[in-house]
Amino acid sequence: EASKTVQPQLSGRIIASFDPVHAPERSQGYYLALGLGLLFTVRFMLLQPALYGLHHLGMQIRIALFSLIYKKTLKLSSRVLDKISTGQLVSLMSAHLNKLDEVREKTIL
């Protein structure tokens, strides 16, 4: 989060270094641009594994919940299963997973 606050300041100083009035700061602008590039690289290297880990954890939770729903449908009595077709069971399971995905997307945003 600290890198997000530094980025606009570095960008502003880089843009200001191209002003003819600030000619002595031109060499400093090149160093700032290099620092900004390094900042982006470090942010990418740190954020990418974290986001991958979060997505992996989310998929594991989704698979676990789907497994629970599937096991619950297997425990239904034969009387109930006679009334419901396989297609209806599949659509119920997918509806539950869609609700889970909607909740997950709302929490991410």
PDB file of N, CA and C in Angstrom:
ATOM      1  N   GLU A   1       0.821  -1.192   0.000  1.00  0.00           N
ATOM      2  CA  GLU A   1       0.000   0.000   0.000  1.00  0.00           C
ATOM      3  C   GLU A   1       0.865   1.257   0.000  1.00  0.00           C
ATOM      4  N   ALA A   2       2.021   1.177   0.620  1.00  0.00           N
ATOM      5  CA  ALA A   2       2.899   2.346   0.652  1.00  0.00           C
ATOM      6  C   ALA A   2       3.384   2.686  -0.749  1.00  0.00           C
ATOM      7  N   SER A   3       3.570   1.666  -1.580  1.00  0.00           N
ATOM      8  CA  SER A   3       4.038   1.930  -2.942  1.00  0.00           C
ATOM      9  C   SER A   3       2.986   2.678  -3.757  1.00  0.00           C
ATOM     10  N   LYS A   4       1.715   2.484  -3.413  1.00  0.00           N
ATOM     11  CA  LYS A   4       0.656   3.202  -4.130  1.00  0.00           C
ATOM     12  C   LYS A   4       0.689   4.697  -3.822  1.00  0.00           C
ATOM     13  N   THR A   5       1.130   5.060  -2.639  1.00  0.00           N
ATOM     14  CA  THR A   5       1.194   6.483  -2.298  1.00  0.00           C
ATOM     15  C   THR A   5       2.445   7.141  -2.861  1.00  0.00           C
ATOM     16  N   VAL A   6       3.517   6.379  -3.028  1.00  0.00           N
ATOM     17  CA  VAL A   6       4.767   6.933  -3.545  1.00  0.00           C
ATOM     18  C   VAL A   6       4.697   7.112  -5.065  1.00  0.00           C
ATOM     19  N   GLN A   7       3.965   6.250  -5.744  1.00  0.00           N
ATOM     20  CA  GLN A   7       3.905   6.262  -7.202  1.00  0.00           C
ATOM     21  C   GLN A   7       3.462   7.611  -7.779  1.00  0.00           C
ATOM     22  N   PRO A   8       2.366   8.225  -7.325  1.00  0.00           N
ATOM     23  CA  PRO A   8       1.990   9.527  -7.904  1.00  0.00           C
ATOM     24  C   PRO A   8       3.021  10.625  -7.637  1.00  0.00           C
ATOM     25  N   GLN A   9       3.668  10.554  -6.480  1.00  0.00           N
ATOM     26  CA  GLN A   9       4.675  11.563  -6.170  1.00  0.00           C
ATOM     27  C   GLN A   9       5.875  11.434  -7.095  1.00  0.00           C
ATOM     28  N   LEU A  10       6.307  10.196  -7.331  1.00  0.00           N
ATOM     29  CA  LEU A  10       7.423   9.989  -8.256  1.00  0.00           C
ATOM     30  C   LEU A  10       7.048  10.417  -9.668  1.00  0.00           C
ATOM     31  N   SER A  11       5.846  10.080 -10.092  1.00  0.00           N
ATOM     32  CA  SER A  11       5.399  10.460 -11.436  1.00  0.00           C
ATOM     33  C   SER A  11       5.351  11.983 -11.590  1.00  0.00           C
ATOM     34  N   GLY A  12       4.849  12.664 -10.570  1.00  0.00           N
ATOM     35  CA  GLY A  12       4.798  14.126 -10.613  1.00  0.00           C
ATOM     36  C   GLY A  12       6.169  14.756 -10.690  1.00  0.00           C
ATOM     37  N   ARG A  13       7.116  14.222  -9.951  1.00  0.00           N
ATOM     38  CA  ARG A  13       8.472  14.777  -9.986  1.00  0.00           C
ATOM     39  C   ARG A  13       9.157  14.478 -11.302  1.00  0.00           C
ATOM     40  N   ILE A  14       8.852  13.309 -11.907  1.00  0.00           N
ATOM     41  CA  ILE A  14       9.422  12.983 -13.216  1.00  0.00           C
ATOM     42  C   ILE A  14       8.894  13.955 -14.261  1.00  0.00           C
ATOM     43  N   ILE A  15       7.597  14.220 -14.236  1.00  0.00           N
ATOM     44  CA  ILE A  15       6.994  15.153 -15.192  1.00  0.00           C
ATOM     45  C   ILE A  15       7.549  16.556 -14.981  1.00  0.00           C
ATOM     46  N   ALA A  16       7.738  16.957 -13.727  1.00  0.00           N
ATOM     47  CA  ALA A  16       8.268  18.288 -13.434  1.00  0.00           C
ATOM     48  C   ALA A  16       9.709  18.434 -13.898  1.00  0.00           C
ATOM     49  N   SER A  17      10.460  17.341 -13.967  1.00  0.00           N
ATOM     50  CA  SER A  17      11.863  17.434 -14.377  1.00  0.00           C
ATOM     51  C   SER A  17      12.007  17.764 -15.865  1.00  0.00           C
ATOM     52  N   PHE A  18      10.959  17.578 -16.653  1.00  0.00           N
ATOM     53  CA  PHE A  18      11.014  17.922 -18.074  1.00  0.00           C
ATOM     54  C   PHE A  18      10.683  19.385 -18.340  1.00  0.00           C
ATOM     55  N   ASP A  19      10.317  20.117 -17.310  1.00  0.00           N
ATOM     56  CA  ASP A  19      10.035  21.544 -17.459  1.00  0.00           C
ATOM     57  C   ASP A  19      11.361  22.281 -17.676  1.00  0.00           C
ATOM     58  N   PRO A  20      11.415  23.191 -18.672  1.00  0.00           N
ATOM     59  CA  PRO A  20      12.677  23.905 -18.937  1.00  0.00           C
ATOM     60  C   PRO A  20      13.186  24.713 -17.739  1.00  0.00           C
ATOM     61  N   VAL A  21      12.280  25.118 -16.872  1.00  0.00           N
ATOM     62  CA  VAL A  21      12.685  25.889 -15.700  1.00  0.00           C
ATOM     63  C   VAL A  21      13.505  25.018 -14.740  1.00  0.00           C
ATOM     64  N   HIS A  22      13.185  23.728 -14.712  1.00  0.00           N
ATOM     65  CA  HIS A  22      13.860  22.804 -13.802  1.00  0.00           C
ATOM     66  C   HIS A  22      14.945  21.990 -14.530  1.00  0.00           C
ATOM     67  N   ALA A  23      15.727  22.609 -15.364  1.00  0.00           N
ATOM     68  CA  ALA A  23      16.769  21.901 -16.130  1.00  0.00           C
ATOM     69  C   ALA A  23      17.793  21.212 -15.236  1.00  0.00           C
ATOM     70  N   PRO A  24      18.204  21.781 -14.111  1.00  0.00           N
ATOM     71  CA  PRO A  24      19.186  21.071 -13.267  1.00  0.00           C
ATOM     72  C   PRO A  24      18.655  19.750 -12.699  1.00  0.00           C
ATOM     73  N   GLU A  25      17.328  19.629 -12.605  1.00  0.00           N
ATOM     74  CA  GLU A  25      16.747  18.406 -12.048  1.00  0.00           C
ATOM     75  C   GLU A  25      16.535  17.326 -13.108  1.00  0.00           C
ATOM     76  N   ARG A  26      16.972  17.569 -14.335  1.00  0.00           N
ATOM     77  CA  ARG A  26      16.746  16.612 -15.416  1.00  0.00           C
ATOM     78  C   ARG A  26      17.418  15.273 -15.117  1.00  0.00           C
ATOM     79  N   SER A  27      18.644  15.289 -14.636  1.00  0.00           N
ATOM     80  CA  SER A  27      19.328  14.019 -14.324  1.00  0.00           C
ATOM     81  C   SER A  27      18.647  13.309 -13.157  1.00  0.00           C
ATOM     82  N   GLN A  28      18.126  14.089 -12.243  1.00  0.00           N
ATOM     83  CA  GLN A  28      17.393  13.487 -11.130  1.00  0.00           C
ATOM     84  C   GLN A  28      16.123  12.801 -11.637  1.00  0.00           C
ATOM     85  N   GLY A  29      15.516  13.311 -12.693  1.00  0.00           N
ATOM     86  CA  GLY A  29      14.320  12.703 -13.280  1.00  0.00           C
ATOM     87  C   GLY A  29      14.594  11.309 -13.813  1.00  0.00           C
ATOM     88  N   TYR A  30      15.774  11.107 -14.380  1.00  0.00           N
ATOM     89  CA  TYR A  30      16.125   9.787 -14.879  1.00  0.00           C
ATOM     90  C   TYR A  30      16.248   8.780 -13.725  1.00  0.00           C
ATOM     91  N   TYR A  31      16.828   9.216 -12.629  1.00  0.00           N
ATOM     92  CA  TYR A  31      16.923   8.332 -11.462  1.00  0.00           C
ATOM     93  C   TYR A  31      15.544   8.037 -10.878  1.00  0.00           C
ATOM     94  N   LEU A  32      14.683   9.039 -10.881  1.00  0.00           N
ATOM     95  CA  LEU A  32      13.318   8.824 -10.397  1.00  0.00           C
ATOM     96  C   LEU A  32      12.571   7.835 -11.287  1.00  0.00           C
ATOM     97  N   ALA A  33      12.785   7.941 -12.600  1.00  0.00           N
ATOM     98  CA  ALA A  33      12.139   7.004 -13.525  1.00  0.00           C
ATOM     99  C   ALA A  33      12.652   5.585 -13.299  1.00  0.00           C
ATOM    100  N   LEU A  34      13.940   5.456 -13.051  1.00  0.00           N
ATOM    101  CA  LEU A  34      14.509   4.152 -12.742  1.00  0.00           C
ATOM    102  C   LEU A  34      13.919   3.605 -11.441  1.00  0.00           C
ATOM    103  N   GLY A  35      13.788   4.472 -10.449  1.00  0.00           N
ATOM    104  CA  GLY A  35      13.178   4.065  -9.179  1.00  0.00           C
ATOM    105  C   GLY A  35      11.726   3.653  -9.346  1.00  0.00           C
ATOM    106  N   LEU A  36      11.007   4.366 -10.212  1.00  0.00           N
ATOM    107  CA  LEU A  36       9.611   4.022 -10.470  1.00  0.00           C
ATOM    108  C   LEU A  36       9.511   2.654 -11.148  1.00  0.00           C
ATOM    109  N   GLY A  37      10.414   2.393 -12.071  1.00  0.00           N
ATOM    110  CA  GLY A  37      10.432   1.080 -12.723  1.00  0.00           C
ATOM    111  C   GLY A  37      10.744  -0.033 -11.735  1.00  0.00           C
ATOM    112  N   LEU A  38      11.694   0.205 -10.852  1.00  0.00           N
ATOM    113  CA  LEU A  38      12.030  -0.785  -9.824  1.00  0.00           C
ATOM    114  C   LEU A  38      10.858  -0.992  -8.854  1.00  0.00           C
ATOM    115  N   LEU A  39      10.161   0.088  -8.551  1.00  0.00           N
ATOM    116  CA  LEU A  39       8.994   0.001  -7.675  1.00  0.00           C
ATOM    117  C   LEU A  39       7.922  -0.906  -8.285  1.00  0.00           C
ATOM    118  N   PHE A  40       7.651  -0.719  -9.586  1.00  0.00           N
ATOM    119  CA  PHE A  40       6.675  -1.568 -10.274  1.00  0.00           C
ATOM    120  C   PHE A  40       7.125  -3.029 -10.276  1.00  0.00           C
ATOM    121  N   THR A  41       8.414  -3.253 -10.493  1.00  0.00           N
ATOM    122  CA  THR A  41       8.929  -4.621 -10.535  1.00  0.00           C
ATOM    123  C   THR A  41       8.792  -5.295  -9.177  1.00  0.00           C
ATOM    124  N   VAL A  42       9.165  -4.598  -8.124  1.00  0.00           N
ATOM    125  CA  VAL A  42       9.071  -5.165  -6.775  1.00  0.00           C
ATOM    126  C   VAL A  42       7.618  -5.416  -6.402  1.00  0.00           C
ATOM    127  N   ARG A  43       6.747  -4.472  -6.740  1.00  0.00           N
ATOM    128  CA  ARG A  43       5.318  -4.655  -6.454  1.00  0.00           C
ATOM    129  C   ARG A  43       4.773  -5.874  -7.168  1.00  0.00           C
ATOM    130  N   PHE A  44       5.180  -6.064  -8.414  1.00  0.00           N
ATOM    131  CA  PHE A  44       4.729  -7.229  -9.174  1.00  0.00           C
ATOM    132  C   PHE A  44       5.236  -8.508  -8.545  1.00  0.00           C
ATOM    133  N   MET A  45       6.509  -8.520  -8.154  1.00  0.00           N
ATOM    134  CA  MET A  45       7.096  -9.728  -7.571  1.00  0.00           C
ATOM    135  C   MET A  45       6.459 -10.095  -6.231  1.00  0.00           C
ATOM    136  N   LEU A  46       6.028  -9.098  -5.473  1.00  0.00           N
ATOM    137  CA  LEU A  46       5.414  -9.385  -4.178  1.00  0.00           C
ATOM    138  C   LEU A  46       3.926  -9.669  -4.286  1.00  0.00           C
ATOM    139  N   LEU A  47       3.237  -8.972  -5.177  1.00  0.00           N
ATOM    140  CA  LEU A  47       1.790  -9.122  -5.265  1.00  0.00           C
ATOM    141  C   LEU A  47       1.358 -10.368  -6.022  1.00  0.00           C
ATOM    142  N   GLN A  48       2.096 -10.746  -7.042  1.00  0.00           N
ATOM    143  CA  GLN A  48       1.688 -11.879  -7.868  1.00  0.00           C
ATOM    144  C   GLN A  48       1.567 -13.177  -7.068  1.00  0.00           C
ATOM    145  N   PRO A  49       2.554 -13.561  -6.260  1.00  0.00           N
ATOM    146  CA  PRO A  49       2.385 -14.790  -5.471  1.00  0.00           C
ATOM    147  C   PRO A  49       1.249 -14.696  -4.453  1.00  0.00           C
ATOM    148  N   ALA A  50       1.063 -13.513  -3.882  1.00  0.00           N
ATOM    149  CA  ALA A  50      -0.012 -13.353  -2.901  1.00  0.00           C
ATOM    150  C   ALA A  50      -1.376 -13.520  -3.563  1.00  0.00           C
ATOM    151  N   LEU A  51      -1.566 -12.902  -4.713  1.00  0.00           N
ATOM    152  CA  LEU A  51      -2.846 -13.038  -5.415  1.00  0.00           C
ATOM    153  C   LEU A  51      -3.065 -14.457  -5.898  1.00  0.00           C
ATOM    154  N   TYR A  52      -2.004 -15.103  -6.358  1.00  0.00           N
ATOM    155  CA  TYR A  52      -2.124 -16.500  -6.782  1.00  0.00           C
ATOM    156  C   TYR A  52      -2.536 -17.370  -5.593  1.00  0.00           C
ATOM    157  N   GLY A  53      -1.935 -17.139  -4.448  1.00  0.00           N
ATOM    158  CA  GLY A  53      -2.283 -17.906  -3.248  1.00  0.00           C
ATOM    159  C   GLY A  53      -3.726 -17.699  -2.836  1.00  0.00           C
ATOM    160  N   LEU A  54      -4.210 -16.458  -2.933  1.00  0.00           N
ATOM    161  CA  LEU A  54      -5.601 -16.185  -2.582  1.00  0.00           C
ATOM    162  C   LEU A  54      -6.562 -16.864  -3.545  1.00  0.00           C
ATOM    163  N   HIS A  55      -6.250 -16.834  -4.829  1.00  0.00           N
ATOM    164  CA  HIS A  55      -7.112 -17.500  -5.805  1.00  0.00           C
ATOM    165  C   HIS A  55      -7.097 -19.010  -5.596  1.00  0.00           C
ATOM    166  N   HIS A  56      -5.930 -19.554  -5.273  1.00  0.00           N
ATOM    167  CA  HIS A  56      -5.819 -20.987  -5.021  1.00  0.00           C
ATOM    168  C   HIS A  56      -6.649 -21.383  -3.799  1.00  0.00           C
ATOM    169  N   LEU A  57      -6.572 -20.586  -2.742  1.00  0.00           N
ATOM    170  CA  LEU A  57      -7.359 -20.846  -1.537  1.00  0.00           C
ATOM    171  C   LEU A  57      -8.853 -20.756  -1.834  1.00  0.00           C
ATOM    172  N   GLY A  58      -9.241 -19.767  -2.627  1.00  0.00           N
ATOM    173  CA  GLY A  58     -10.652 -19.627  -2.996  1.00  0.00           C
ATOM    174  C   GLY A  58     -11.156 -20.828  -3.772  1.00  0.00           C
ATOM    175  N   MET A  59     -10.337 -21.338  -4.676  1.00  0.00           N
ATOM    176  CA  MET A  59     -10.741 -22.522  -5.438  1.00  0.00           C
ATOM    177  C   MET A  59     -10.837 -23.747  -4.538  1.00  0.00           C
ATOM    178  N   GLN A  60      -9.945 -23.874  -3.565  1.00  0.00           N
ATOM    179  CA  GLN A  60     -10.028 -25.000  -2.634  1.00  0.00           C
ATOM    180  C   GLN A  60     -11.311 -24.930  -1.810  1.00  0.00           C
ATOM    181  N   ILE A  61     -11.674 -23.730  -1.372  1.00  0.00           N
ATOM    182  CA  ILE A  61     -12.919 -23.563  -0.614  1.00  0.00           C
ATOM    183  C   ILE A  61     -14.114 -23.896  -1.496  1.00  0.00           C
ATOM    184  N   ARG A  62     -14.078 -23.452  -2.734  1.00  0.00           N
ATOM    185  CA  ARG A  62     -15.182 -23.734  -3.663  1.00  0.00           C
ATOM    186  C   ARG A  62     -15.325 -25.239  -3.897  1.00  0.00           C
ATOM    187  N   ILE A  63     -14.223 -25.931  -4.083  1.00  0.00           N
ATOM    188  CA  ILE A  63     -14.264 -27.376  -4.293  1.00  0.00           C
ATOM    189  C   ILE A  63     -14.774 -28.082  -3.043  1.00  0.00           C
ATOM    190  N   ALA A  64     -14.350 -27.620  -1.864  1.00  0.00           N
ATOM    191  CA  ALA A  64     -14.816 -28.238  -0.623  1.00  0.00           C
ATOM    192  C   ALA A  64     -16.320 -28.052  -0.455  1.00  0.00           C
ATOM    193  N   LEU A  65     -16.812 -26.856  -0.745  1.00  0.00           N
ATOM    194  CA  LEU A  65     -18.253 -26.618  -0.630  1.00  0.00           C
ATOM    195  C   LEU A  65     -19.038 -27.429  -1.656  1.00  0.00           C
ATOM    196  N   PHE A  66     -18.516 -27.536  -2.866  1.00  0.00           N
ATOM    197  CA  PHE A  66     -19.175 -28.342  -3.888  1.00  0.00           C
ATOM    198  C   PHE A  66     -19.222 -29.801  -3.453  1.00  0.00           C
ATOM    199  N   SER A  67     -18.148 -30.264  -2.826  1.00  0.00           N
ATOM    200  CA  SER A  67     -18.106 -31.636  -2.328  1.00  0.00           C
ATOM    201  C   SER A  67     -19.156 -31.847  -1.242  1.00  0.00           C
ATOM    202  N   LEU A  68     -19.312 -30.867  -0.357  1.00  0.00           N
ATOM    203  CA  LEU A  68     -20.329 -30.977   0.691  1.00  0.00           C
ATOM    204  C   LEU A  68     -21.737 -31.031   0.099  1.00  0.00           C
ATOM    205  N   ILE A  69     -21.984 -30.186  -0.897  1.00  0.00           N
ATOM    206  CA  ILE A  69     -23.295 -30.192  -1.545  1.00  0.00           C
ATOM    207  C   ILE A  69     -23.536 -31.530  -2.238  1.00  0.00           C
ATOM    208  N   TYR A  70     -22.520 -32.058  -2.887  1.00  0.00           N
ATOM    209  CA  TYR A  70     -22.649 -33.335  -3.580  1.00  0.00           C
ATOM    210  C   TYR A  70     -22.935 -34.469  -2.592  1.00  0.00           C
ATOM    211  N   LYS A  71     -22.210 -34.476  -1.464  1.00  0.00           N
ATOM    212  CA  LYS A  71     -22.448 -35.511  -0.457  1.00  0.00           C
ATOM    213  C   LYS A  71     -23.850 -35.395   0.128  1.00  0.00           C
ATOM    214  N   LYS A  72     -24.331 -34.181   0.272  1.00  0.00           N
ATOM    215  CA  LYS A  72     -25.688 -33.970   0.790  1.00  0.00           C
ATOM    216  C   LYS A  72     -26.722 -34.523  -0.184  1.00  0.00           C
ATOM    217  N   THR A  73     -26.496 -34.350  -1.486  1.00  0.00           N
ATOM    218  CA  THR A  73     -27.452 -34.876  -2.463  1.00  0.00           C
ATOM    219  C   THR A  73     -27.420 -36.400  -2.494  1.00  0.00           C
ATOM    220  N   LEU A  74     -26.266 -37.001  -2.196  1.00  0.00           N
ATOM    221  CA  LEU A  74     -26.197 -38.456  -2.157  1.00  0.00           C
ATOM    222  C   LEU A  74     -26.982 -39.034  -0.987  1.00  0.00           C
ATOM    223  N   LYS A  75     -27.152 -38.242   0.071  1.00  0.00           N
ATOM    224  CA  LYS A  75     -27.870 -38.713   1.255  1.00  0.00           C
ATOM    225  C   LYS A  75     -29.385 -38.548   1.132  1.00  0.00           C
ATOM    226  N   LEU A  76     -29.854 -37.987   0.014  1.00  0.00           N
ATOM    227  CA  LEU A  76     -31.293 -37.829  -0.156  1.00  0.00           C
ATOM    228  C   LEU A  76     -31.961 -39.200  -0.250  1.00  0.00           C
ATOM    229  N   SER A  77     -33.163 -39.265   0.246  1.00  0.00           N
ATOM    230  CA  SER A  77     -33.882 -40.538   0.216  1.00  0.00           C
ATOM    231  C   SER A  77     -34.298 -40.882  -1.210  1.00  0.00           C
ATOM    232  N   SER A  78     -34.559 -42.150  -1.451  1.00  0.00           N
ATOM    233  CA  SER A  78     -34.944 -42.593  -2.798  1.00  0.00           C
ATOM    234  C   SER A  78     -36.293 -42.007  -3.199  1.00  0.00           C
ATOM    235  N   ARG A  79     -37.149 -41.724  -2.239  1.00  0.00           N
ATOM    236  CA  ARG A  79     -38.446 -41.114  -2.532  1.00  0.00           C
ATOM    237  C   ARG A  79     -38.264 -39.715  -3.120  1.00  0.00           C
ATOM    238  N   VAL A  80     -37.338 -38.972  -2.559  1.00  0.00           N
ATOM    239  CA  VAL A  80     -37.060 -37.624  -3.079  1.00  0.00           C
ATOM    240  C   VAL A  80     -36.381 -37.722  -4.441  1.00  0.00           C
ATOM    241  N   LEU A  81     -35.464 -38.662  -4.583  1.00  0.00           N
ATOM    242  CA  LEU A  81     -34.744 -38.810  -5.844  1.00  0.00           C
ATOM    243  C   LEU A  81     -35.658 -39.251  -6.981  1.00  0.00           C
ATOM    244  N   ASP A  82     -36.735 -39.968  -6.649  1.00  0.00           N
ATOM    245  CA  ASP A  82     -37.696 -40.358  -7.679  1.00  0.00           C
ATOM    246  C   ASP A  82     -38.431 -39.152  -8.247  1.00  0.00           C
ATOM    247  N   LYS A  83     -38.613 -38.124  -7.432  1.00  0.00           N
ATOM    248  CA  LYS A  83     -39.347 -36.926  -7.854  1.00  0.00           C
ATOM    249  C   LYS A  83     -38.466 -35.942  -8.629  1.00  0.00           C
ATOM    250  N   ILE A  84     -37.154 -36.023  -8.425  1.00  0.00           N
ATOM    251  CA  ILE A  84     -36.232 -35.058  -9.025  1.00  0.00           C
ATOM    252  C   ILE A  84     -35.388 -35.774 -10.079  1.00  0.00           C
ATOM    253  N   SER A  85     -35.261 -35.151 -11.235  1.00  0.00           N
ATOM    254  CA  SER A  85     -34.421 -35.739 -12.279  1.00  0.00           C
ATOM    255  C   SER A  85     -32.956 -35.350 -12.055  1.00  0.00           C
ATOM    256  N   THR A  86     -32.071 -36.022 -12.768  1.00  0.00           N
ATOM    257  CA  THR A  86     -30.637 -35.734 -12.645  1.00  0.00           C
ATOM    258  C   THR A  86     -30.325 -34.318 -13.089  1.00  0.00           C
ATOM    259  N   GLY A  87     -30.995 -33.869 -14.142  1.00  0.00           N
ATOM    260  CA  GLY A  87     -30.783 -32.506 -14.634  1.00  0.00           C
ATOM    261  C   GLY A  87     -31.158 -31.457 -13.612  1.00  0.00           C
ATOM    262  N   GLN A  88     -32.248 -31.710 -12.873  1.00  0.00           N
ATOM    263  CA  GLN A  88     -32.650 -30.766 -11.831  1.00  0.00           C
ATOM    264  C   GLN A  88     -31.617 -30.721 -10.702  1.00  0.00           C
ATOM    265  N   LEU A  89     -31.082 -31.891 -10.347  1.00  0.00           N
ATOM    266  CA  LEU A  89     -30.042 -31.913  -9.306  1.00  0.00           C
ATOM    267  C   LEU A  89     -28.809 -31.141  -9.742  1.00  0.00           C
ATOM    268  N   VAL A  90     -28.404 -31.344 -10.978  1.00  0.00           N
ATOM    269  CA  VAL A  90     -27.223 -30.640 -11.485  1.00  0.00           C
ATOM    270  C   VAL A  90     -27.469 -29.135 -11.513  1.00  0.00           C
ATOM    271  N   SER A  91     -28.663 -28.716 -11.930  1.00  0.00           N
ATOM    272  CA  SER A  91     -28.951 -27.282 -11.973  1.00  0.00           C
ATOM    273  C   SER A  91     -29.021 -26.693 -10.569  1.00  0.00           C
ATOM    274  N   LEU A  92     -29.529 -27.457  -9.595  1.00  0.00           N
ATOM    275  CA  LEU A  92     -29.527 -26.973  -8.212  1.00  0.00           C
ATOM    276  C   LEU A  92     -28.100 -26.798  -7.699  1.00  0.00           C
ATOM    277  N   MET A  93     -27.241 -27.769  -8.000  1.00  0.00           N
ATOM    278  CA  MET A  93     -25.856 -27.674  -7.555  1.00  0.00           C
ATOM    279  C   MET A  93     -25.144 -26.499  -8.214  1.00  0.00           C
ATOM    280  N   SER A  94     -25.386 -26.300  -9.501  1.00  0.00           N
ATOM    281  CA  SER A  94     -24.732 -25.169 -10.176  1.00  0.00           C
ATOM    282  C   SER A  94     -25.290 -23.846  -9.678  1.00  0.00           C
ATOM    283  N   ALA A  95     -26.588 -23.817  -9.314  1.00  0.00           N
ATOM    284  CA  ALA A  95     -27.162 -22.582  -8.767  1.00  0.00           C
ATOM    285  C   ALA A  95     -26.503 -22.241  -7.437  1.00  0.00           C
ATOM    286  N   HIS A  96     -26.262 -23.249  -6.614  1.00  0.00           N
ATOM    287  CA  HIS A  96     -25.591 -22.997  -5.340  1.00  0.00           C
ATOM    288  C   HIS A  96     -24.170 -22.491  -5.560  1.00  0.00           C
ATOM    289  N   LEU A  97     -23.478 -23.059  -6.523  1.00  0.00           N
ATOM    290  CA  LEU A  97     -22.115 -22.598  -6.802  1.00  0.00           C
ATOM    291  C   LEU A  97     -22.116 -21.195  -7.386  1.00  0.00           C
ATOM    292  N   ASN A  98     -23.107 -20.862  -8.191  1.00  0.00           N
ATOM    293  CA  ASN A  98     -23.199 -19.502  -8.720  1.00  0.00           C
ATOM    294  C   ASN A  98     -23.423 -18.496  -7.602  1.00  0.00           C
ATOM    295  N   LYS A  99     -24.253 -18.863  -6.624  1.00  0.00           N
ATOM    296  CA  LYS A  99     -24.452 -17.971  -5.472  1.00  0.00           C
ATOM    297  C   LYS A  99     -23.150 -17.777  -4.711  1.00  0.00           C
ATOM    298  N   LEU A 100     -22.393 -18.861  -4.567  1.00  0.00           N
ATOM    299  CA  LEU A 100     -21.102 -18.770  -3.893  1.00  0.00           C
ATOM    300  C   LEU A 100     -20.159 -17.847  -4.658  1.00  0.00           C
ATOM    301  N   ASP A 101     -20.131 -17.973  -5.980  1.00  0.00           N
ATOM    302  CA  ASP A 101     -19.273 -17.110  -6.795  1.00  0.00           C
ATOM    303  C   ASP A 101     -19.687 -15.648  -6.688  1.00  0.00           C
ATOM    304  N   GLU A 102     -20.994 -15.384  -6.640  1.00  0.00           N
ATOM    305  CA  GLU A 102     -21.476 -14.007  -6.511  1.00  0.00           C
ATOM    306  C   GLU A 102     -21.039 -13.403  -5.184  1.00  0.00           C
ATOM    307  N   VAL A 103     -21.146 -14.179  -4.114  1.00  0.00           N
ATOM    308  CA  VAL A 103     -20.720 -13.690  -2.789  1.00  0.00           C
ATOM    309  C   VAL A 103     -19.224 -13.422  -2.794  1.00  0.00           C
ATOM    310  N   ARG A 104     -18.460 -14.330  -3.413  1.00  0.00           N
ATOM    311  CA  ARG A 104     -17.000 -14.164  -3.456  1.00  0.00           C
ATOM    312  C   ARG A 104     -16.619 -12.928  -4.251  1.00  0.00           C
ATOM    313  N   GLU A 105     -17.302 -12.677  -5.379  1.00  0.00           N
ATOM    314  CA  GLU A 105     -16.989 -11.502  -6.201  1.00  0.00           C
ATOM    315  C   GLU A 105     -17.335 -10.223  -5.465  1.00  0.00           C
ATOM    316  N   LYS A 106     -18.437 -10.220  -4.709  1.00  0.00           N
ATOM    317  CA  LYS A 106     -18.822  -9.015  -3.962  1.00  0.00           C
ATOM    318  C   LYS A 106     -17.823  -8.708  -2.854  1.00  0.00           C
ATOM    319  N   THR A 107     -17.279  -9.751  -2.215  1.00  0.00           N
ATOM    320  CA  THR A 107     -16.310  -9.505  -1.163  1.00  0.00           C
ATOM    321  C   THR A 107     -14.978  -9.033  -1.717  1.00  0.00           C
ATOM    322  N   ILE A 108     -14.641  -9.458  -2.940  1.00  0.00           N
ATOM    323  CA  ILE A 108     -13.379  -9.019  -3.553  1.00  0.00           C
ATOM    324  C   ILE A 108     -13.481  -7.557  -3.949  1.00  0.00           C
ATOM    325  N   LEU A 109     -14.609  -7.157  -4.511  1.00  0.00           N
ATOM    326  CA  LEU A 109     -14.774  -5.776  -4.956  1.00  0.00           C
ATOM    327  C   LEU A 109     -14.989  -4.896  -3.765  1.00  0.00           C
TER     328      LEU A 109
END
